[in-house]
Amino acid sequence: MTTVTCISLVCPVGYTPASSAAAMRASISVFEELMYRDSNGQPIRGARVDAIPLEKHGRSRLQALARLAVEQIDEKAAALLPWGEMPFILCTRDADMPGARINGILAGLAIPDGTPLVGSRTFQVAHGHISAFVAMEQARRLVNKGDVEACIIMAIDSLIDARSLNWLDSQMRLRTSEVTDGLIPGEAACILVVSKRLIVDGSLRLRGLGLAIEKATASNEEPFRADGLSAALKAALGEAGVQMHEVAFRLSDVGGESYAFEELVLAQMRNMRKTRPEQPVWHAADCMGDCGLATGMIQFAWVEQAFRRGYALGDLAALHGSSMSFGGRAAAVVSAEDVR
């Protein structure tokens, strides 16, 4: 058994997992005109963490997000964890994605009691939007070996960065005054704990995980059949030992592009063997835009709160991750920890 719990989430709609999930459940959005402009000179709309000063850019902005996330770690959960003994996995961007890098920005960060956040064993996962899923696979391998009790996974990203915005604009992937089929930039920082046994009450149970590669990306001419996401979802369902129709609801990192919505539908259709009345999809991007590599972590945080607070739409949920420009695809099947 693998359990997952979110101990910190800082995003444009909240500074804790509970407040962020409540805002997303209520469909509260915080989009505004940013100080950046598109190629036509028009303001770019986005969602930012308003506790981070506007004058902080690039690396300093990511440092501020990281520090805020560490400051907001749930103290009750932190007191139960074996700090200093847990391997630390840091999620980072795809190597070809322009923008500030986060290497080294965690130096000196400590949890509220003064214990360093990062222990002696550290790992880095550079898979962009599916980094949370790849890190989850690595974390459960570590805890299943039996020599560690738990692992820490952290993701920090901000698309509110001149280099990232310029690249997205040049790729016609940014929602602008002329491109309506594009994403809205956001930012977030999230910290998860993965363990083999229950440490924090109300944790998620990771039942299945799947990873795959999609040959048809947003920037090539390969025929699009959602092969990658379909394969990842099939693998996650297979490991969980359930069928697609048994999943009550889904969460996705789709940020507004029709290509991504089509992929989500195709992956569902190719795995559905029996009809069900409905299977709603929750999109965090409706409230805070695309938060880059942190979007996968946000899904885990939101669904955990949904199970914990009793508004989940059933016992099983499926999570989806897609790196639209670079091909990585991932899926996970989760439930409340006490669901058998």
Protein backbone atom coordinates (compact mmCIF):
# COMPACT_ATOMS: atom_id res chain seq x y z
CA MET A 1 0.00 0.00 0.00
CA THR A 2 1.18 3.50 -0.84
CA THR A 3 -0.30 6.53 0.91
CA VAL A 4 -0.01 10.14 -0.23
CA THR A 5 -0.73 13.32 1.69
CA CYS A 6 -0.28 16.99 0.84
CA ILE A 7 1.33 18.98 3.67
CA SER A 8 1.58 22.30 1.85
CA LEU A 9 0.02 23.98 -1.18
CA VAL A 10 0.50 27.61 -2.13
CA CYS A 11 -1.34 28.73 -5.26
CA PRO A 12 -3.24 31.78 -6.57
CA VAL A 13 -6.49 30.77 -4.82
CA GLY A 14 -5.14 29.66 -1.42
CA TYR A 15 -2.13 29.15 0.83
CA THR A 16 -3.11 25.79 2.34
CA PRO A 17 -4.47 22.57 0.81
CA ALA A 18 -7.82 23.10 2.55
CA SER A 19 -8.33 26.72 1.47
CA SER A 20 -7.12 26.04 -2.08
CA ALA A 21 -9.43 23.04 -2.48
CA ALA A 22 -12.37 25.01 -1.07
CA ALA A 23 -11.77 27.78 -3.61
CA MET A 24 -11.51 25.31 -6.49
CA ARG A 25 -14.66 23.54 -5.35
CA ALA A 26 -16.46 26.91 -5.35
CA SER A 27 -14.99 27.75 -8.81
CA ILE A 28 -13.34 30.93 -7.53
CA SER A 29 -10.96 32.33 -10.16
CA VAL A 30 -8.34 35.04 -9.70
CA PHE A 31 -7.29 36.01 -13.22
CA GLU A 32 -5.92 39.49 -13.83
CA GLU A 33 -3.89 41.44 -16.35
CA LEU A 34 -0.18 40.87 -15.74
CA MET A 35 2.67 43.30 -16.32
CA TYR A 36 3.71 41.25 -19.36
CA ARG A 37 2.45 41.77 -22.92
CA ASP A 38 2.01 39.44 -25.86
CA SER A 39 3.58 39.80 -29.30
CA ASN A 40 0.86 42.28 -30.26
CA GLY A 41 1.53 44.51 -27.29
CA GLN A 42 -1.62 43.50 -25.42
CA PRO A 43 -1.61 42.61 -21.68
CA ILE A 44 -1.40 38.91 -20.84
CA ARG A 45 -3.92 37.57 -18.35
CA GLY A 46 -2.78 35.18 -15.65
CA ALA A 47 -3.17 34.06 -12.04
CA ARG A 48 -0.46 34.87 -9.52
CA VAL A 49 0.20 34.31 -5.83
CA ASP A 50 -0.43 37.81 -4.52
CA ALA A 51 1.85 37.34 -1.49
CA ILE A 52 4.81 37.33 -3.89
CA PRO A 53 5.79 40.93 -4.79
CA LEU A 54 5.33 41.91 -8.42
CA GLU A 55 8.96 42.99 -8.70
CA LYS A 56 10.21 39.47 -8.06
CA HIS A 57 10.99 37.74 -11.35
CA GLY A 58 12.51 34.49 -12.53
CA ARG A 59 14.62 32.66 -9.97
CA SER A 60 13.83 35.07 -7.11
CA ARG A 61 10.10 34.50 -7.67
CA LEU A 62 10.54 30.73 -7.48
CA GLN A 63 12.60 31.15 -4.30
CA ALA A 64 9.81 33.20 -2.75
CA LEU A 65 7.23 30.56 -3.72
CA ALA A 66 9.38 27.82 -2.20
CA ARG A 67 9.89 29.74 1.03
CA LEU A 68 6.17 30.47 1.35
CA ALA A 69 5.31 26.80 0.78
CA VAL A 70 7.74 25.69 3.49
CA GLU A 71 6.39 28.30 5.92
CA GLN A 72 2.87 26.99 5.32
CA ILE A 73 3.66 23.31 6.04
CA ASP A 74 0.95 21.86 8.26
CA GLU A 75 2.47 21.73 11.74
CA LYS A 76 0.41 18.75 12.94
CA ALA A 77 1.44 16.68 9.93
CA ALA A 78 5.05 17.85 10.19
CA ALA A 79 5.26 16.65 13.80
CA LEU A 80 4.47 13.09 12.66
CA LEU A 81 7.14 12.88 9.96
CA PRO A 82 10.74 11.58 10.29
CA TRP A 83 12.48 14.74 9.06
CA GLY A 84 16.09 14.28 8.06
CA GLU A 85 15.53 10.62 7.25
CA MET A 86 13.19 11.05 4.27
CA PRO A 87 14.61 11.16 0.72
CA PHE A 88 13.73 14.43 -0.99
CA ILE A 89 12.53 14.47 -4.63
CA LEU A 90 12.45 17.82 -6.41
CA CYS A 91 10.33 18.16 -9.55
CA THR A 92 11.75 20.40 -12.28
CA ARG A 93 10.86 21.49 -15.80
CA ASP A 94 11.55 19.70 -19.05
CA ALA A 95 15.10 20.58 -20.10
CA ASP A 96 13.83 22.31 -23.28
CA MET A 97 11.26 24.51 -21.50
CA PRO A 98 12.57 28.11 -21.18
CA GLY A 99 12.40 29.85 -17.82
CA ALA A 100 14.09 30.10 -14.44
CA ARG A 101 15.70 26.98 -13.00
CA ILE A 102 15.23 25.92 -9.40
CA ASN A 103 18.53 24.15 -8.76
CA GLY A 104 19.95 25.30 -5.45
CA ILE A 105 17.06 27.51 -4.36
CA LEU A 106 16.10 25.23 -1.44
CA ALA A 107 19.40 25.70 0.37
CA GLY A 108 18.83 26.92 3.91
CA LEU A 109 15.10 26.25 3.97
CA ALA A 110 13.83 24.65 7.19
CA ILE A 111 10.49 23.56 8.59
CA PRO A 112 9.02 25.64 11.47
CA ASP A 113 10.96 23.79 14.20
CA GLY A 114 14.27 24.53 12.46
CA THR A 115 14.89 21.09 10.93
CA PRO A 116 16.29 21.37 7.39
CA LEU A 117 13.73 20.66 4.68
CA VAL A 118 16.18 18.67 2.55
CA GLY A 119 17.90 15.62 3.99
CA SER A 120 21.05 13.83 2.86
CA ARG A 121 19.35 11.92 0.01
CA THR A 122 18.03 14.11 -2.80
CA PHE A 123 16.74 13.31 -6.28
CA GLN A 124 15.58 15.41 -9.21
CA VAL A 125 12.80 14.61 -11.67
CA ALA A 126 12.77 16.73 -14.85
CA HIS A 127 9.57 15.74 -16.65
CA GLY A 128 7.54 18.94 -16.63
CA HIS A 129 3.79 18.46 -16.27
CA ILE A 130 4.07 14.76 -15.43
CA SER A 131 6.89 15.22 -12.90
CA ALA A 132 4.56 14.60 -9.93
CA PHE A 133 3.62 11.18 -11.33
CA VAL A 134 7.20 10.22 -12.18
CA ALA A 135 8.32 11.35 -8.72
CA MET A 136 5.48 9.32 -7.19
CA GLU A 137 6.75 6.19 -8.94
CA GLN A 138 10.29 6.84 -7.71
CA ALA A 139 9.08 7.55 -4.16
CA ARG A 140 7.06 4.38 -3.84
CA ARG A 141 10.00 2.32 -5.07
CA LEU A 142 12.11 3.84 -2.31
CA VAL A 143 9.57 3.22 0.45
CA ASN A 144 8.78 -0.29 -0.81
CA LYS A 145 12.44 -1.24 -0.42
CA GLY A 146 11.84 -0.90 3.31
CA ASP A 147 14.87 1.22 4.22
CA VAL A 148 12.92 4.50 4.43
CA GLU A 149 9.58 5.26 6.03
CA ALA A 150 8.52 8.10 3.74
CA CYS A 151 9.63 10.41 0.93
CA ILE A 152 9.08 14.12 0.35
CA ILE A 153 8.13 15.39 -3.12
CA MET A 154 8.19 19.10 -3.90
CA ALA A 155 7.17 20.97 -7.06
CA ILE A 156 7.58 24.71 -7.67
CA ASP A 157 6.81 26.47 -10.93
CA SER A 158 5.70 29.80 -12.34
CA LEU A 159 4.75 30.47 -15.93
CA ILE A 160 4.62 34.15 -15.00
CA ASP A 161 8.11 34.58 -16.40
CA ALA A 162 9.14 36.57 -19.47
CA ARG A 163 11.05 33.68 -21.06
CA SER A 164 8.28 31.15 -20.51
CA LEU A 165 5.57 33.51 -21.75
CA ASN A 166 7.55 34.47 -24.85
CA TRP A 167 8.12 30.80 -25.70
CA LEU A 168 4.46 29.87 -25.18
CA ASP A 169 3.41 32.87 -27.28
CA SER A 170 5.77 31.87 -30.10
CA GLN A 171 4.35 28.32 -29.99
CA MET A 172 0.77 29.69 -30.24
CA ARG A 173 -0.01 27.99 -26.92
CA LEU A 174 -0.62 31.14 -24.86
CA ARG A 175 -4.09 32.66 -24.66
CA THR A 176 -3.68 36.16 -26.06
CA SER A 177 -5.63 38.87 -27.83
CA GLU A 178 -5.51 36.77 -31.03
CA VAL A 179 -5.19 33.18 -29.76
CA THR A 180 -8.27 32.01 -27.89
CA ASP A 181 -7.31 28.33 -27.91
CA GLY A 182 -4.46 28.65 -25.44
CA LEU A 183 -3.51 28.38 -21.79
CA ILE A 184 -3.55 31.04 -19.07
CA PRO A 185 -0.30 31.19 -17.05
CA GLY A 186 -0.29 30.51 -13.32
CA GLU A 187 2.10 29.53 -10.54
CA ALA A 188 2.17 27.28 -7.47
CA ALA A 189 4.31 25.35 -5.00
CA CYS A 190 3.29 22.06 -3.42
CA ILE A 191 4.78 19.50 -1.03
CA LEU A 192 3.58 15.89 -0.80
CA VAL A 193 4.58 13.01 1.46
CA VAL A 194 4.58 9.43 0.12
CA SER A 195 4.74 6.58 2.62
CA LYS A 196 4.11 2.83 2.77
CA ARG A 197 1.97 3.00 5.90
CA LEU A 198 -0.53 5.58 7.10
CA ILE A 199 1.24 8.45 8.88
CA VAL A 200 -1.27 11.28 8.51
CA ASP A 201 -4.99 10.60 8.95
CA GLY A 202 -7.07 11.28 5.85
CA SER A 203 -4.27 10.48 3.38
CA LEU A 204 -4.87 9.26 -0.14
CA ARG A 205 -4.27 5.68 -1.19
CA LEU A 206 -2.39 5.37 -4.47
CA ARG A 207 -3.93 2.32 -6.17
CA GLY A 208 -2.43 2.50 -9.64
CA LEU A 209 0.06 4.53 -11.65
CA GLY A 210 0.83 4.61 -15.36
CA LEU A 211 3.44 6.43 -17.46
CA ALA A 212 3.72 6.63 -21.25
CA ILE A 213 4.99 8.69 -24.18
CA GLU A 214 2.81 10.39 -26.80
CA LYS A 215 4.39 10.73 -30.24
CA ALA A 216 1.86 13.35 -31.38
CA THR A 217 2.68 16.60 -29.56
CA ALA A 218 1.36 20.14 -29.83
CA SER A 219 4.29 21.06 -32.08
CA ASN A 220 4.46 18.25 -34.67
CA GLU A 221 2.28 16.75 -37.39
CA GLU A 222 1.98 13.18 -36.09
CA PRO A 223 -1.57 11.73 -36.25
CA PHE A 224 -3.32 12.36 -32.94
CA ARG A 225 -5.04 9.36 -31.34
CA ALA A 226 -4.23 9.92 -27.64
CA ASP A 227 -2.12 6.76 -27.63
CA GLY A 228 0.09 7.98 -24.78
CA LEU A 229 -2.57 9.06 -22.30
CA SER A 230 -4.71 6.03 -23.17
CA ALA A 231 -1.78 3.72 -22.41
CA ALA A 232 -0.94 5.51 -19.16
CA LEU A 233 -4.56 5.34 -18.02
CA LYS A 234 -4.82 1.66 -18.98
CA ALA A 235 -1.71 0.87 -16.94
CA ALA A 236 -3.01 2.76 -13.89
CA LEU A 237 -6.39 1.02 -14.07
CA GLY A 238 -4.72 -2.35 -14.53
CA GLU A 239 -2.51 -1.94 -11.48
CA ALA A 240 -5.50 -0.77 -9.43
CA GLY A 241 -7.50 -3.78 -10.61
CA VAL A 242 -10.50 -1.71 -11.68
CA GLN A 243 -12.31 -0.83 -14.90
CA MET A 244 -12.76 2.67 -16.29
CA HIS A 245 -16.49 2.65 -15.60
CA GLU A 246 -15.78 2.09 -11.89
CA VAL A 247 -14.00 5.45 -11.63
CA ALA A 248 -16.43 8.00 -10.17
CA PHE A 249 -14.69 11.20 -11.28
CA ARG A 250 -11.50 12.46 -12.85
CA LEU A 251 -9.07 15.33 -12.41
CA SER A 252 -6.95 16.82 -15.18
CA ASP A 253 -4.15 19.30 -15.80
CA VAL A 254 -5.81 20.57 -19.01
CA GLY A 255 -5.10 24.29 -19.13
CA GLY A 256 -7.50 25.49 -21.83
CA GLU A 257 -6.25 24.07 -25.12
CA SER A 258 -8.82 22.15 -27.18
CA TYR A 259 -6.13 19.63 -28.18
CA ALA A 260 -5.78 18.62 -24.52
CA PHE A 261 -9.55 18.36 -23.98
CA GLU A 262 -9.83 16.09 -27.04
CA GLU A 263 -7.04 13.89 -25.68
CA LEU A 264 -8.82 13.57 -22.33
CA VAL A 265 -12.04 12.42 -24.04
CA LEU A 266 -10.25 10.00 -26.36
CA ALA A 267 -8.33 8.41 -23.48
CA GLN A 268 -11.59 7.88 -21.61
CA MET A 269 -13.37 6.40 -24.65
CA ARG A 270 -10.54 4.01 -25.44
CA ASN A 271 -10.56 2.62 -21.90
CA MET A 272 -14.31 2.57 -21.24
CA ARG A 273 -15.76 -0.93 -21.68
CA LYS A 274 -19.06 -0.31 -19.96
CA THR A 275 -21.20 2.82 -19.85
CA ARG A 276 -21.92 4.80 -16.70
CA PRO A 277 -24.31 7.75 -16.20
CA GLU A 278 -21.57 10.37 -15.77
CA GLN A 279 -17.89 10.79 -14.99
CA PRO A 280 -17.20 14.47 -14.25
CA VAL A 281 -13.76 16.02 -14.76
CA TRP A 282 -12.37 18.62 -12.36
CA HIS A 283 -10.00 21.24 -13.79
CA ALA A 284 -7.91 23.31 -11.40
CA ALA A 285 -6.90 25.50 -14.34
CA ASP A 286 -10.43 26.94 -14.41
CA CYS A 287 -9.48 28.81 -11.24
CA MET A 288 -5.74 29.44 -11.50
CA GLY A 289 -4.60 28.70 -15.03
CA ASP A 290 -1.72 26.40 -15.93
CA CYS A 291 0.73 26.16 -13.02
CA GLY A 292 3.36 24.27 -14.99
CA LEU A 293 4.93 21.25 -13.34
CA ALA A 294 2.98 21.93 -10.12
CA THR A 295 -0.33 21.03 -11.83
CA GLY A 296 0.06 17.32 -11.15
CA MET A 297 0.65 17.93 -7.44
CA ILE A 298 -2.41 20.17 -7.26
CA GLN A 299 -4.57 17.29 -8.48
CA PHE A 300 -3.35 15.06 -5.63
CA ALA A 301 -3.92 17.85 -3.09
CA TRP A 302 -7.46 18.60 -4.32
CA VAL A 303 -8.67 15.00 -4.49
CA GLU A 304 -7.25 14.31 -1.02
CA GLN A 305 -9.29 17.19 0.39
CA ALA A 306 -12.38 15.98 -1.49
CA PHE A 307 -12.17 12.53 0.11
CA ARG A 308 -11.26 13.94 3.51
CA ARG A 309 -14.14 16.43 3.59
CA GLY A 310 -16.78 14.20 2.08
CA TYR A 311 -17.54 15.85 -1.25
CA ALA A 312 -15.77 13.33 -3.50
CA LEU A 313 -18.20 11.95 -6.07
CA GLY A 314 -17.41 8.31 -5.31
CA ASP A 315 -14.76 5.93 -4.01
CA LEU A 316 -12.33 6.09 -6.94
CA ALA A 317 -10.78 9.00 -8.85
CA ALA A 318 -8.44 9.10 -11.84
CA LEU A 319 -5.77 11.78 -12.25
CA HIS A 320 -4.21 12.75 -15.60
CA GLY A 321 -0.97 14.44 -16.61
CA SER A 322 0.14 15.60 -20.06
CA SER A 323 3.26 17.40 -21.19
CA MET A 324 1.71 18.75 -24.36
CA SER A 325 4.92 19.98 -25.98
CA PHE A 326 7.29 17.21 -24.94
CA GLY A 327 5.19 14.04 -25.04
CA GLY A 328 5.13 12.73 -21.48
CA ARG A 329 1.80 11.26 -20.31
CA ALA A 330 0.75 9.93 -16.92
CA ALA A 331 -2.28 8.75 -14.97
CA ALA A 332 -3.06 7.61 -11.45
CA VAL A 333 -6.00 5.93 -9.72
CA VAL A 334 -6.57 6.95 -6.09
CA SER A 335 -9.08 6.48 -3.29
CA ALA A 336 -9.50 7.50 0.32
CA GLU A 337 -7.05 5.53 2.46
CA ASP A 338 -9.79 3.57 4.24
CA VAL A 339 -11.59 2.42 1.07
CA ARG A 340 -10.94 -1.28 0.44
